C-alpha atoms as a PDB file:
ATOM      1  CA  MET A   1       0.375  -0.243  -0.064  1.00  0.00           C
ATOM      2  CA  THR A   2       1.416   3.634  -1.558  1.00  0.00           C
ATOM      3  CA  ILE A   3       0.944   6.467   1.393  1.00  0.00           C
ATOM      4  CA  ASN A   4       0.490  10.041  -0.393  1.00  0.00           C
ATOM      5  CA  SER A   5       2.143  12.420   1.800  1.00  0.00           C
ATOM      6  CA  LYS A   6       2.143  16.080   1.253  1.00  0.00           C
ATOM      7  CA  LYS A   7       5.813  18.029   1.656  1.00  0.00           C
ATOM      8  CA  ILE A   8       5.180  20.123   4.941  1.00  0.00           C
ATOM      9  CA  GLU A   9       7.103  23.169   5.189  1.00  0.00           C
ATOM     10  CA  SER A  10       8.693  24.610   8.368  1.00  0.00           C
ATOM     11  CA  PRO A  11       8.009  28.087   9.862  1.00  0.00           C
ATOM     12  CA  ALA A  12      11.401  29.207   9.578  1.00  0.00           C
ATOM     13  CA  ARG A  13      11.575  28.357   5.688  1.00  0.00           C
ATOM     14  CA  ASN A  14       8.016  30.169   5.015  1.00  0.00           C
ATOM     15  CA  GLN A  15       9.506  33.081   6.999  1.00  0.00           C
ATOM     16  CA  SER A  16      12.641  32.836   5.087  1.00  0.00           C
ATOM     17  CA  ASP A  17      10.864  32.725   1.568  1.00  0.00           C
ATOM     18  CA  PHE A  18       8.885  36.136   2.562  1.00  0.00           C
ATOM     19  CA  ALA A  19      11.644  38.156   3.272  1.00  0.00           C
ATOM     20  CA  ARG A  20      13.475  36.945   0.184  1.00  0.00           C
ATOM     21  CA  LYS A  21      10.419  38.271  -1.364  1.00  0.00           C
ATOM     22  CA  VAL A  22      10.206  41.739   0.914  1.00  0.00           C
ATOM     23  CA  LYS A  23      14.399  41.911  -0.024  1.00  0.00           C
ATOM     24  CA  ARG A  24      13.590  41.785  -3.759  1.00  0.00           C
ATOM     25  CA  SER A  25      10.509  44.591  -3.370  1.00  0.00           C
ATOM     26  CA  ILE A  26      12.760  46.795  -1.482  1.00  0.00           C
ATOM     27  CA  PRO A  27      13.187  49.109  -4.899  1.00  0.00           C
ATOM     28  CA  TYR A  28       9.189  48.952  -5.206  1.00  0.00           C
ATOM     29  CA  TYR A  29       8.307  49.818  -1.722  1.00  0.00           C
ATOM     30  CA  VAL A  30      11.343  52.962  -1.608  1.00  0.00           C
ATOM     31  CA  LEU A  31       9.588  53.986  -4.604  1.00  0.00           C
ATOM     32  CA  ILE A  32       5.659  54.126  -2.963  1.00  0.00           C
ATOM     33  CA  LEU A  33       6.967  55.627  -0.006  1.00  0.00           C
ATOM     34  CA  VAL A  34       7.253  59.108  -1.696  1.00  0.00           C
ATOM     35  CA  PRO A  35       3.768  59.429  -3.246  1.00  0.00           C
ATOM     36  CA  LEU A  36       2.768  58.014   0.044  1.00  0.00           C
ATOM     37  CA  ALA A  37       4.637  60.820   2.062  1.00  0.00           C
ATOM     38  CA  VAL A  38       2.883  63.587  -0.149  1.00  0.00           C
ATOM     39  CA  LEU A  39      -0.679  61.720   0.695  1.00  0.00           C
ATOM     40  CA  LEU A  40      -0.283  62.043   3.765  1.00  0.00           C
ATOM     41  CA  VAL A  41       1.393  65.392   4.463  1.00  0.00           C
ATOM     42  CA  PHE A  42      -0.976  66.716   2.553  1.00  0.00           C
ATOM     43  CA  LYS A  43      -3.809  65.315   2.211  1.00  0.00           C
ATOM     44  CA  TYR A  44      -4.450  63.302   5.697  1.00  0.00           C
ATOM     45  CA  TYR A  45      -2.334  65.505   7.873  1.00  0.00           C
ATOM     46  CA  PRO A  46      -4.438  68.667   6.940  1.00  0.00           C
ATOM     47  CA  MET A  47      -7.600  66.436   7.633  1.00  0.00           C
ATOM     48  CA  TYR A  48      -6.557  67.714  11.610  1.00  0.00           C
ATOM     49  CA  GLY A  49      -8.083  70.921  11.054  1.00  0.00           C
ATOM     50  CA  ILE A  50     -11.584  69.702  10.579  1.00  0.00           C
ATOM     51  CA  THR A  51     -11.496  70.371  14.525  1.00  0.00           C
ATOM     52  CA  LEU A  52     -11.957  73.996  13.921  1.00  0.00           C
ATOM     53  CA  ALA A  53     -15.417  73.194  13.044  1.00  0.00           C
ATOM     54  CA  PHE A  54     -16.231  72.748  16.227  1.00  0.00           C
ATOM     55  CA  LYS A  55     -13.845  75.139  18.307  1.00  0.00           C
ATOM     56  CA  ASP A  56     -14.198  78.769  18.797  1.00  0.00           C
ATOM     57  CA  TYR A  57     -10.761  79.039  17.036  1.00  0.00           C
ATOM     58  CA  ARG A  58      -8.173  81.479  18.517  1.00  0.00           C
ATOM     59  CA  VAL A  59      -4.841  82.432  16.881  1.00  0.00           C
ATOM     60  CA  SER A  60      -3.422  82.973  19.914  1.00  0.00           C
ATOM     61  CA  ALA A  61      -4.760  79.530  21.551  1.00  0.00           C
ATOM     62  CA  GLY A  62      -3.768  77.739  18.290  1.00  0.00           C
ATOM     63  CA  ILE A  63      -6.089  74.711  16.922  1.00  0.00           C
ATOM     64  CA  THR A  64      -5.331  72.763  20.341  1.00  0.00           C
ATOM     65  CA  GLY A  65      -5.323  75.214  22.526  1.00  0.00           C
ATOM     66  CA  SER A  66      -8.544  77.068  21.085  1.00  0.00           C
ATOM     67  CA  PRO A  67     -11.935  75.791  23.271  1.00  0.00           C
ATOM     68  CA  TRP A  68     -14.811  73.729  22.253  1.00  0.00           C
ATOM     69  CA  THR A  69     -18.093  75.690  21.419  1.00  0.00           C
ATOM     70  CA  GLN A  70     -21.046  75.033  23.135  1.00  0.00           C
ATOM     71  CA  PRO A  71     -23.344  73.158  22.145  1.00  0.00           C
ATOM     72  CA  LEU A  72     -21.177  71.245  19.852  1.00  0.00           C
ATOM     73  CA  LEU A  73     -22.723  72.352  16.627  1.00  0.00           C
ATOM     74  CA  ARG A  74     -23.471  75.950  17.072  1.00  0.00           C
ATOM     75  CA  HIS A  75     -21.619  76.966  13.601  1.00  0.00           C
ATOM     76  CA  PHE A  76     -23.465  74.250  11.743  1.00  0.00           C
ATOM     77  CA  THR A  77     -26.760  75.753  13.568  1.00  0.00           C
ATOM     78  CA  ARG A  78     -25.681  79.188  12.517  1.00  0.00           C
ATOM     79  CA  PHE A  79     -24.921  78.710   8.922  1.00  0.00           C
ATOM     80  CA  LEU A  80     -27.928  76.348   8.334  1.00  0.00           C
ATOM     81  CA  THR A  81     -30.476  79.384  10.131  1.00  0.00           C
ATOM     82  CA  ALA A  82     -29.010  82.549   8.770  1.00  0.00           C
ATOM     83  CA  PRO A  83     -30.798  84.212   5.761  1.00  0.00           C
ATOM     84  CA  SER A  84     -27.850  83.714   3.396  1.00  0.00           C
ATOM     85  CA  ALA A  85     -28.092  79.882   3.453  1.00  0.00           C
ATOM     86  CA  VAL A  86     -30.735  79.335   1.972  1.00  0.00           C
ATOM     87  CA  ARG A  87     -29.334  81.780  -0.957  1.00  0.00           C
ATOM     88  CA  VAL A  88     -26.217  80.153  -1.290  1.00  0.00           C
ATOM     89  CA  ILE A  89     -27.097  76.501  -0.802  1.00  0.00           C
ATOM     90  CA  THR A  90     -29.523  77.581  -3.701  1.00  0.00           C
ATOM     91  CA  ASN A  91     -27.102  78.960  -6.137  1.00  0.00           C
ATOM     92  CA  THR A  92     -24.921  76.083  -5.340  1.00  0.00           C
ATOM     93  CA  LEU A  93     -27.423  73.498  -5.865  1.00  0.00           C
ATOM     94  CA  ALA A  94     -28.469  75.628  -9.407  1.00  0.00           C
ATOM     95  CA  ILE A  95     -25.062  75.914 -10.877  1.00  0.00           C
ATOM     96  CA  SER A  96     -24.089  72.953 -10.166  1.00  0.00           C
ATOM     97  CA  VAL A  97     -27.658  70.931 -11.904  1.00  0.00           C
ATOM     98  CA  TYR A  98     -27.499  73.273 -14.736  1.00  0.00           C
ATOM     99  CA  SER A  99     -23.766  72.838 -15.324  1.00  0.00           C
ATOM    100  CA  LEU A 100     -24.338  68.863 -14.711  1.00  0.00           C
ATOM    101  CA  LEU A 101     -27.204  68.380 -17.362  1.00  0.00           C
ATOM    102  CA  ALA A 102     -25.564  71.027 -19.907  1.00  0.00           C
ATOM    103  CA  SER A 103     -22.074  69.372 -19.892  1.00  0.00           C
ATOM    104  CA  PHE A 104     -22.522  65.746 -19.091  1.00  0.00           C
ATOM    105  CA  PRO A 105     -24.339  64.405 -22.813  1.00  0.00           C
ATOM    106  CA  VAL A 106     -21.812  66.727 -25.140  1.00  0.00           C
ATOM    107  CA  PRO A 107     -18.706  64.843 -24.545  1.00  0.00           C
ATOM    108  CA  ILE A 108     -20.779  61.410 -25.240  1.00  0.00           C
ATOM    109  CA  VAL A 109     -22.090  62.886 -28.367  1.00  0.00           C
ATOM    110  CA  LEU A 110     -18.711  63.952 -29.789  1.00  0.00           C
ATOM    111  CA  ALA A 111     -16.833  60.665 -28.757  1.00  0.00           C
ATOM    112  CA  ILE A 112     -19.240  58.765 -30.632  1.00  0.00           C
ATOM    113  CA  PHE A 113     -19.553  61.291 -33.532  1.00  0.00           C
ATOM    114  CA  LEU A 114     -15.782  61.109 -33.487  1.00  0.00           C
ATOM    115  CA  ASN A 115     -15.812  57.088 -33.565  1.00  0.00           C
ATOM    116  CA  GLU A 116     -17.818  57.546 -36.348  1.00  0.00           C
ATOM    117  CA  LEU A 117     -15.692  59.355 -38.735  1.00  0.00           C
ATOM    118  CA  ARG A 118     -13.988  57.689 -41.342  1.00  0.00           C
ATOM    119  CA  SER A 119     -11.405  59.820 -41.675  1.00  0.00           C
ATOM    120  CA  ASN A 120      -8.407  59.795 -39.314  1.00  0.00           C
ATOM    121  CA  ARG A 121      -7.354  63.201 -40.361  1.00  0.00           C
ATOM    122  CA  MET A 122     -10.425  64.749 -40.138  1.00  0.00           C
ATOM    123  CA  LYS A 123     -10.858  63.172 -36.630  1.00  0.00           C
ATOM    124  CA  LYS A 124      -7.707  64.119 -35.193  1.00  0.00           C
ATOM    125  CA  THR A 125      -8.293  67.883 -36.563  1.00  0.00           C
ATOM    126  CA  ILE A 126     -11.379  68.140 -34.365  1.00  0.00           C
ATOM    127  CA  GLN A 127      -9.935  66.308 -31.374  1.00  0.00           C
ATOM    128  CA  MET A 128      -7.490  69.132 -31.279  1.00  0.00           C
ATOM    129  CA  ILE A 129      -9.500  72.050 -32.180  1.00  0.00           C
ATOM    130  CA  THR A 130     -12.394  70.585 -29.056  1.00  0.00           C
ATOM    131  CA  TYR A 131      -9.030  69.756 -26.316  1.00  0.00           C
ATOM    132  CA  MET A 132      -7.278  73.244 -26.953  1.00  0.00           C
ATOM    133  CA  PRO A 133      -9.725  75.180 -25.014  1.00  0.00           C
ATOM    134  CA  TYR A 134      -9.007  72.562 -21.645  1.00  0.00           C
ATOM    135  CA  PHE A 135      -5.502  74.638 -21.844  1.00  0.00           C
ATOM    136  CA  ILE A 136      -6.553  77.718 -21.083  1.00  0.00           C
ATOM    137  CA  SER A 137      -6.401  78.903 -17.487  1.00  0.00           C
ATOM    138  CA  THR A 138      -9.091  80.006 -15.652  1.00  0.00           C
ATOM    139  CA  VAL A 139      -7.802  83.714 -15.648  1.00  0.00           C
ATOM    140  CA  VAL A 140      -7.689  83.911 -19.396  1.00  0.00           C
ATOM    141  CA  LEU A 141     -10.370  82.392 -19.864  1.00  0.00           C
ATOM    142  CA  VAL A 142     -12.553  84.725 -17.626  1.00  0.00           C
ATOM    143  CA  SER A 143     -10.625  87.830 -18.825  1.00  0.00           C
ATOM    144  CA  MET A 144     -11.538  86.689 -22.534  1.00  0.00           C
ATOM    145  CA  ILE A 145     -15.046  86.601 -20.983  1.00  0.00           C
ATOM    146  CA  ILE A 146     -15.214  89.761 -20.175  1.00  0.00           C
ATOM    147  CA  GLN A 147     -13.652  91.323 -23.091  1.00  0.00           C
ATOM    148  CA  PHE A 148     -15.966  89.396 -25.761  1.00  0.00           C
ATOM    149  CA  THR A 149     -19.294  90.607 -23.814  1.00  0.00           C
ATOM    150  CA  ASP A 150     -18.607  94.082 -22.999  1.00  0.00           C
ATOM    151  CA  ILE A 151     -21.115  96.271 -23.619  1.00  0.00           C
ATOM    152  CA  SER A 152     -18.797  99.208 -25.458  1.00  0.00           C
ATOM    153  CA  TYR A 153     -16.057  97.535 -28.045  1.00  0.00           C
ATOM    154  CA  GLY A 154     -16.727  93.309 -27.249  1.00  0.00           C
ATOM    155  CA  PHE A 155     -17.327  91.356 -30.330  1.00  0.00           C
ATOM    156  CA  VAL A 156     -20.477  89.901 -29.631  1.00  0.00           C
ATOM    157  CA  ASN A 157     -22.156  93.252 -28.974  1.00  0.00           C
ATOM    158  CA  GLN A 158     -20.328  94.392 -32.141  1.00  0.00           C
ATOM    159  CA  ALA A 159     -22.523  91.618 -33.619  1.00  0.00           C
ATOM    160  CA  ILE A 160     -25.666  92.375 -32.220  1.00  0.00           C
ATOM    161  CA  LYS A 161     -25.604  95.784 -32.951  1.00  0.00           C
ATOM    162  CA  SER A 162     -24.542  95.175 -36.767  1.00  0.00           C
ATOM    163  CA  LEU A 163     -28.176  92.825 -36.906  1.00  0.00           C
ATOM    164  CA  GLY A 164     -30.116  95.903 -35.566  1.00  0.00           C
ATOM    165  CA  GLY A 165     -30.339  95.176 -31.487  1.00  0.00           C
ATOM    166  CA  GLN A 166     -29.476  97.083 -28.467  1.00  0.00           C
ATOM    167  CA  PRO A 167     -25.874  96.414 -26.776  1.00  0.00           C
ATOM    168  CA  ILE A 168     -26.140  93.731 -23.536  1.00  0.00           C
ATOM    169  CA  ASN A 169     -24.819  94.487 -20.417  1.00  0.00           C
ATOM    170  CA  PHE A 170     -23.957  90.415 -20.180  1.00  0.00           C
ATOM    171  CA  MET A 171     -21.663  90.812 -17.329  1.00  0.00           C
ATOM    172  CA  GLY A 172     -23.825  93.387 -15.103  1.00  0.00           C
ATOM    173  CA  ASN A 173     -27.330  91.111 -15.669  1.00  0.00           C
ATOM    174  CA  LYS A 174     -27.398  88.412 -12.995  1.00  0.00           C
ATOM    175  CA  ASP A 175     -30.036  86.735 -15.711  1.00  0.00           C
ATOM    176  CA  TYR A 176     -27.150  86.245 -17.409  1.00  0.00           C
ATOM    177  CA  PHE A 177     -24.102  84.840 -15.589  1.00  0.00           C
ATOM    178  CA  ARG A 178     -25.409  80.889 -14.604  1.00  0.00           C
ATOM    179  CA  HIS A 179     -26.133  80.988 -18.423  1.00  0.00           C
ATOM    180  CA  ILE A 180     -22.121  82.315 -19.504  1.00  0.00           C
ATOM    181  CA  TYR A 181     -20.553  80.466 -16.467  1.00  0.00           C
ATOM    182  CA  VAL A 182     -22.078  76.900 -17.438  1.00  0.00           C
ATOM    183  CA  TRP A 183     -21.663  77.347 -21.191  1.00  0.00           C
ATOM    184  CA  THR A 184     -18.434  78.365 -20.959  1.00  0.00           C
ATOM    185  CA  GLY A 185     -17.136  75.467 -18.791  1.00  0.00           C
ATOM    186  CA  VAL A 186     -18.831  72.965 -21.646  1.00  0.00           C
ATOM    187  CA  TRP A 187     -17.089  74.809 -24.193  1.00  0.00           C
ATOM    188  CA  GLN A 188     -14.225  74.450 -22.392  1.00  0.00           C
ATOM    189  CA  ALA A 189     -14.193  70.705 -21.018  1.00  0.00           C
ATOM    190  CA  THR A 190     -15.962  68.811 -23.389  1.00  0.00           C
ATOM    191  CA  GLY A 191     -12.998  68.108 -25.515  1.00  0.00           C
ATOM    192  CA  TYR A 192     -11.040  66.716 -22.004  1.00  0.00           C
ATOM    193  CA  ASN A 193     -13.990  65.035 -21.356  1.00  0.00           C
ATOM    194  CA  ALA A 194     -14.760  62.840 -24.207  1.00  0.00           C
ATOM    195  CA  VAL A 195     -11.167  61.225 -24.358  1.00  0.00           C
ATOM    196  CA  VAL A 196     -12.662  59.215 -21.938  1.00  0.00           C
ATOM    197  CA  TYR A 197     -15.636  57.653 -23.654  1.00  0.00           C
ATOM    198  CA  LEU A 198     -13.131  57.435 -26.612  1.00  0.00           C
ATOM    199  CA  ALA A 199     -11.361  55.435 -24.755  1.00  0.00           C
ATOM    200  CA  ALA A 200     -13.692  53.030 -23.713  1.00  0.00           C
ATOM    201  CA  LEU A 201     -15.066  53.401 -27.400  1.00  0.00           C
ATOM    202  CA  SER A 202     -12.232  51.779 -28.550  1.00  0.00           C
ATOM    203  CA  GLY A 203     -12.430  48.897 -26.964  1.00  0.00           C
ATOM    204  CA  VAL A 204     -15.728  47.552 -28.871  1.00  0.00           C
ATOM    205  CA  SER A 205     -14.552  44.870 -30.749  1.00  0.00           C
ATOM    206  CA  GLN A 206     -14.922  45.825 -34.776  1.00  0.00           C
ATOM    207  CA  ASP A 207     -16.928  42.106 -35.169  1.00  0.00           C
ATOM    208  CA  MET A 208     -20.109  43.652 -33.379  1.00  0.00           C
ATOM    209  CA  TYR A 209     -19.754  46.093 -35.658  1.00  0.00           C
ATOM    210  CA  ASP A 210     -19.439  44.045 -38.936  1.00  0.00           C
ATOM    211  CA  ALA A 211     -21.968  41.898 -37.839  1.00  0.00           C
ATOM    212  CA  ALA A 212     -24.505  44.617 -37.190  1.00  0.00           C
ATOM    213  CA  VAL A 213     -23.864  45.611 -40.756  1.00  0.00           C
ATOM    214  CA  VAL A 214     -24.354  42.183 -42.015  1.00  0.00           C
ATOM    215  CA  ASP A 215     -27.729  42.450 -40.720  1.00  0.00           C
ATOM    216  CA  GLY A 216     -28.852  45.394 -42.636  1.00  0.00           C
ATOM    217  CA  ALA A 217     -28.386  48.557 -39.135  1.00  0.00           C
ATOM    218  CA  SER A 218     -28.126  51.322 -39.641  1.00  0.00           C
ATOM    219  CA  LYS A 219     -25.319  53.901 -37.948  1.00  0.00           C
ATOM    220  CA  VAL A 220     -27.973  55.263 -35.455  1.00  0.00           C
ATOM    221  CA  LYS A 221     -28.907  51.322 -34.682  1.00  0.00           C
ATOM    222  CA  ARG A 222     -25.407  50.807 -34.376  1.00  0.00           C
ATOM    223  CA  ILE A 223     -25.077  53.386 -31.921  1.00  0.00           C
ATOM    224  CA  LEU A 224     -27.676  52.802 -30.048  1.00  0.00           C
ATOM    225  CA  HIS A 225     -27.334  49.125 -29.525  1.00  0.00           C
ATOM    226  CA  ILE A 226     -23.469  48.556 -29.672  1.00  0.00           C
ATOM    227  CA  ASP A 227     -21.994  52.016 -28.843  1.00  0.00           C
ATOM    228  CA  LEU A 228     -23.594  53.490 -25.893  1.00  0.00           C
ATOM    229  CA  PRO A 229     -24.448  49.948 -24.268  1.00  0.00           C
ATOM    230  CA  SER A 230     -20.675  49.029 -24.419  1.00  0.00           C
ATOM    231  CA  ILE A 231     -19.723  52.859 -23.004  1.00  0.00           C
ATOM    232  CA  ALA A 232     -22.928  52.158 -20.356  1.00  0.00           C
ATOM    233  CA  PRO A 233     -20.310  51.006 -17.293  1.00  0.00           C
ATOM    234  CA  THR A 234     -18.178  54.188 -17.973  1.00  0.00           C
ATOM    235  CA  ILE A 235     -21.271  56.533 -18.241  1.00  0.00           C
ATOM    236  CA  ILE A 236     -22.516  55.814 -15.124  1.00  0.00           C
ATOM    237  CA  ILE A 237     -18.956  55.719 -13.328  1.00  0.00           C
ATOM    238  CA  LEU A 238     -18.478  59.279 -14.522  1.00  0.00           C
ATOM    239  CA  PHE A 239     -22.581  60.357 -13.494  1.00  0.00           C
ATOM    240  CA  ILE A 240     -21.634  58.858 -10.040  1.00  0.00           C
ATOM    241  CA  LEU A 241     -18.542  60.922  -9.565  1.00  0.00           C
ATOM    242  CA  ASN A 242     -20.105  64.420 -10.413  1.00  0.00           C
ATOM    243  CA  THR A 243     -23.090  63.614  -8.557  1.00  0.00           C
ATOM    244  CA  GLY A 244     -21.156  63.703  -5.346  1.00  0.00           C
ATOM    245  CA  SER A 245     -19.200  66.413  -5.948  1.00  0.00           C
ATOM    246  CA  ILE A 246     -22.915  68.195  -6.873  1.00  0.00           C
ATOM    247  CA  LEU A 247     -22.191  71.240  -3.594  1.00  0.00           C
ATOM    248  CA  SER A 248     -18.476  71.724  -5.144  1.00  0.00           C
ATOM    249  CA  VAL A 249     -18.955  74.777  -7.718  1.00  0.00           C
ATOM    250  CA  GLY A 250     -15.434  75.805  -8.791  1.00  0.00           C
ATOM    251  CA  PHE A 251     -14.130  78.886  -6.695  1.00  0.00           C
ATOM    252  CA  GLU A 252     -11.684  80.438  -8.960  1.00  0.00           C
ATOM    253  CA  LYS A 253     -13.841  80.537 -12.340  1.00  0.00           C
ATOM    254  CA  ILE A 254     -17.028  81.665 -10.033  1.00  0.00           C
ATOM    255  CA  TYR A 255     -15.003  84.116  -7.828  1.00  0.00           C
ATOM    256  CA  LEU A 256     -13.442  86.161 -11.025  1.00  0.00           C
ATOM    257  CA  MET A 257     -17.042  86.260 -12.515  1.00  0.00           C
ATOM    258  CA  GLN A 258     -18.867  88.027  -9.571  1.00  0.00           C
ATOM    259  CA  ASN A 259     -19.589  91.712  -9.219  1.00  0.00           C
ATOM    260  CA  ASN A 260     -21.918  93.439  -7.356  1.00  0.00           C
ATOM    261  CA  THR A 261     -24.825  93.067  -9.904  1.00  0.00           C
ATOM    262  CA  ASN A 262     -24.949  89.291  -9.997  1.00  0.00           C
ATOM    263  CA  LEU A 263     -23.688  88.505  -6.558  1.00  0.00           C
ATOM    264  CA  SER A 264     -27.319  87.501  -5.514  1.00  0.00           C
ATOM    265  CA  VAL A 265     -27.353  84.652  -7.895  1.00  0.00           C
ATOM    266  CA  SER A 266     -23.319  83.675  -8.007  1.00  0.00           C
ATOM    267  CA  GLU A 267     -22.276  83.215  -4.291  1.00  0.00           C
ATOM    268  CA  VAL A 268     -21.825  79.563  -3.926  1.00  0.00           C
ATOM    269  CA  ILE A 269     -20.370  78.007  -0.998  1.00  0.00           C
ATOM    270  CA  SER A 270     -16.945  77.987  -1.927  1.00  0.00           C
ATOM    271  CA  THR A 271     -17.232  81.877  -2.493  1.00  0.00           C
ATOM    272  CA  TYR A 272     -19.175  81.659   1.026  1.00  0.00           C
ATOM    273  CA  VAL A 273     -16.357  80.175   2.863  1.00  0.00           C
ATOM    274  CA  TYR A 274     -13.420  82.448   1.176  1.00  0.00           C
ATOM    275  CA  ARG A 275     -15.675  85.504   2.614  1.00  0.00           C
ATOM    276  CA  MET A 276     -16.445  84.257   5.887  1.00  0.00           C
ATOM    277  CA  GLY A 277     -13.218  82.501   6.316  1.00  0.00           C
ATOM    278  CA  LEU A 278     -10.338  84.319   5.207  1.00  0.00           C
ATOM    279  CA  VAL A 279     -11.741  87.923   4.379  1.00  0.00           C
ATOM    280  CA  ASN A 280     -13.806  87.846   8.064  1.00  0.00           C
ATOM    281  CA  GLN A 281     -10.939  85.800   9.522  1.00  0.00           C
ATOM    282  CA  ASN A 282     -14.114  83.887  10.820  1.00  0.00           C
ATOM    283  CA  TYR A 283     -12.294  80.637  10.895  1.00  0.00           C
ATOM    284  CA  SER A 284     -14.537  78.397  12.700  1.00  0.00           C
ATOM    285  CA  TYR A 285     -17.377  79.360  10.853  1.00  0.00           C
ATOM    286  CA  SER A 286     -16.168  78.921   7.720  1.00  0.00           C
ATOM    287  CA  THR A 287     -14.403  75.587   8.394  1.00  0.00           C
ATOM    288  CA  ALA A 288     -18.035  74.302   9.341  1.00  0.00           C
ATOM    289  CA  VAL A 289     -20.206  75.281   5.772  1.00  0.00           C
ATOM    290  CA  GLY A 290     -16.900  73.679   4.106  1.00  0.00           C
ATOM    291  CA  LEU A 291     -17.450  70.709   6.265  1.00  0.00           C
ATOM    292  CA  PHE A 292     -21.193  70.473   5.802  1.00  0.00           C
ATOM    293  CA  ASN A 293     -20.329  70.793   1.919  1.00  0.00           C
ATOM    294  CA  ALA A 294     -17.920  67.686   1.906  1.00  0.00           C
ATOM    295  CA  LEU A 295     -20.770  65.451   4.223  1.00  0.00           C
ATOM    296  CA  VAL A 296     -23.228  66.389   1.770  1.00  0.00           C
ATOM    297  CA  ASN A 297     -21.402  65.428  -1.238  1.00  0.00           C
ATOM    298  CA  GLY A 298     -20.054  62.226   0.376  1.00  0.00           C
ATOM    299  CA  LEU A 299     -23.726  61.277   0.884  1.00  0.00           C
ATOM    300  CA  MET A 300     -24.733  61.969  -2.589  1.00  0.00           C
ATOM    301  CA  LEU A 301     -22.040  59.860  -3.544  1.00  0.00           C
ATOM    302  CA  ILE A 302     -23.319  56.772  -1.369  1.00  0.00           C
ATOM    303  CA  LEU A 303     -26.614  57.128  -2.473  1.00  0.00           C
ATOM    304  CA  CYS A 304     -25.763  57.703  -6.153  1.00  0.00           C
ATOM    305  CA  ASN A 305     -23.727  54.842  -6.402  1.00  0.00           C
ATOM    306  CA  ALA A 306     -26.596  52.878  -4.257  1.00  0.00           C
ATOM    307  CA  ILE A 307     -29.160  53.709  -6.990  1.00  0.00           C
ATOM    308  CA  ALA A 308     -26.789  52.385  -9.640  1.00  0.00           C
ATOM    309  CA  ARG A 309     -25.799  48.933  -8.110  1.00  0.00           C
ATOM    310  CA  ARG A 310     -29.594  48.686  -7.635  1.00  0.00           C
ATOM    311  CA  VAL A 311     -30.829  49.968 -11.337  1.00  0.00           C
ATOM    312  CA  SER A 312     -26.864  48.574 -13.605  1.00  0.00           C
ATOM    313  CA  ASP A 313     -25.126  46.429 -10.997  1.00  0.00           C
ATOM    314  CA  VAL A 314     -22.369  49.144 -12.328  1.00  0.00           C
ATOM    315  CA  GLY A 315     -21.247  51.061  -9.365  1.00  0.00           C
ATOM    316  CA  LEU A 316     -17.599  52.253  -7.794  1.00  0.00           C
ATOM    317  CA  TRP A 317     -17.891  49.731  -4.694  1.00  0.00           C
END
C-alpha cells in the first residue's frame, strides 16, 4: 500500500521565503514611499483642521488650545439658520445641476461622432480643436469672457448692433450669469471629457460592428445598440462621480466672474467660505460650512452609487 504524503514546510522556511520576497521588493517599496508621503502630508494631515468646525478658534491659542463650542454644532446651526444660507445653497445647487445637465451629455455625443468618422485626419483635427480650450487658464478664460461681452467694444455686442439690436450688459445682468458660466465651461471641457469615452469606444470589438452591418443595421441603430451599451459602465461611473460633487462648484471661475450686480445669483458655498474665512477671519464658521459641503457631497456619492448598483449593477464599490 502506497501512502501519499505532502511536503510540510517549516515555519522557518516560510519566513525566509517571505524575507527574500520583501528584500527583492525593497526598490518598489521605496518608490511607493514618495507618493505615500505626499498623500499623508498634504491630504490626511490637514484633516486635523476639521476640528476647527467644533471650536471657537483663537489664533493666539492655536487649534489645540482653542475651546470647544457650546453646543458642539453651534457653527453648523448658525449657518443653516442664517438668512444667506438658503440663497447660497440654492445658487450652488442651481449652477451645479445646470452644469451637470448641460456638460455631461455633450462629451458622449462628441466621442460617438468622432468614433464614427472614417477620416483620421478629420478626426484628429476636430479632436485637437475641441481639446485645446481645456489648457486655457481660468484667469485667461474669464478675461476673454469679459472682453468678448463688453458692452462697448466686445465682439458679441458688436455683432448684436450690426444685426440691429441693442447692446447687452451681459456681465452686469444677473440673468445671464449662470448661462455664461455653464456654457463657457462646456466649451472648455468637452474635448477633454470626451477622451474617456473615446478610450471606452476603442475597446468595442470590430466584429460587433461587422455583424450589425451584415444584419442591415443603420448607423443610428449601431450607436444605440452597440456604442451606448458598450460605454454605459463608463457613463454611469462618471455620472456617479459628478453627482458626488454636486455642491462643489469651482471657486476660481465663479469668484473672478462675480460683481456687485450678479452677487445674488453667483454667491456659492466655495466663495461664501472664502469670504467668511479669509476675508472676515471667521475660521471656525467657514470650516463648518466647508465640512457641511463635504458631508453632503459624500452622502450624494453614496446614494447615487447605491442607486446605480441597484439599477444597473455598476458602481464604484
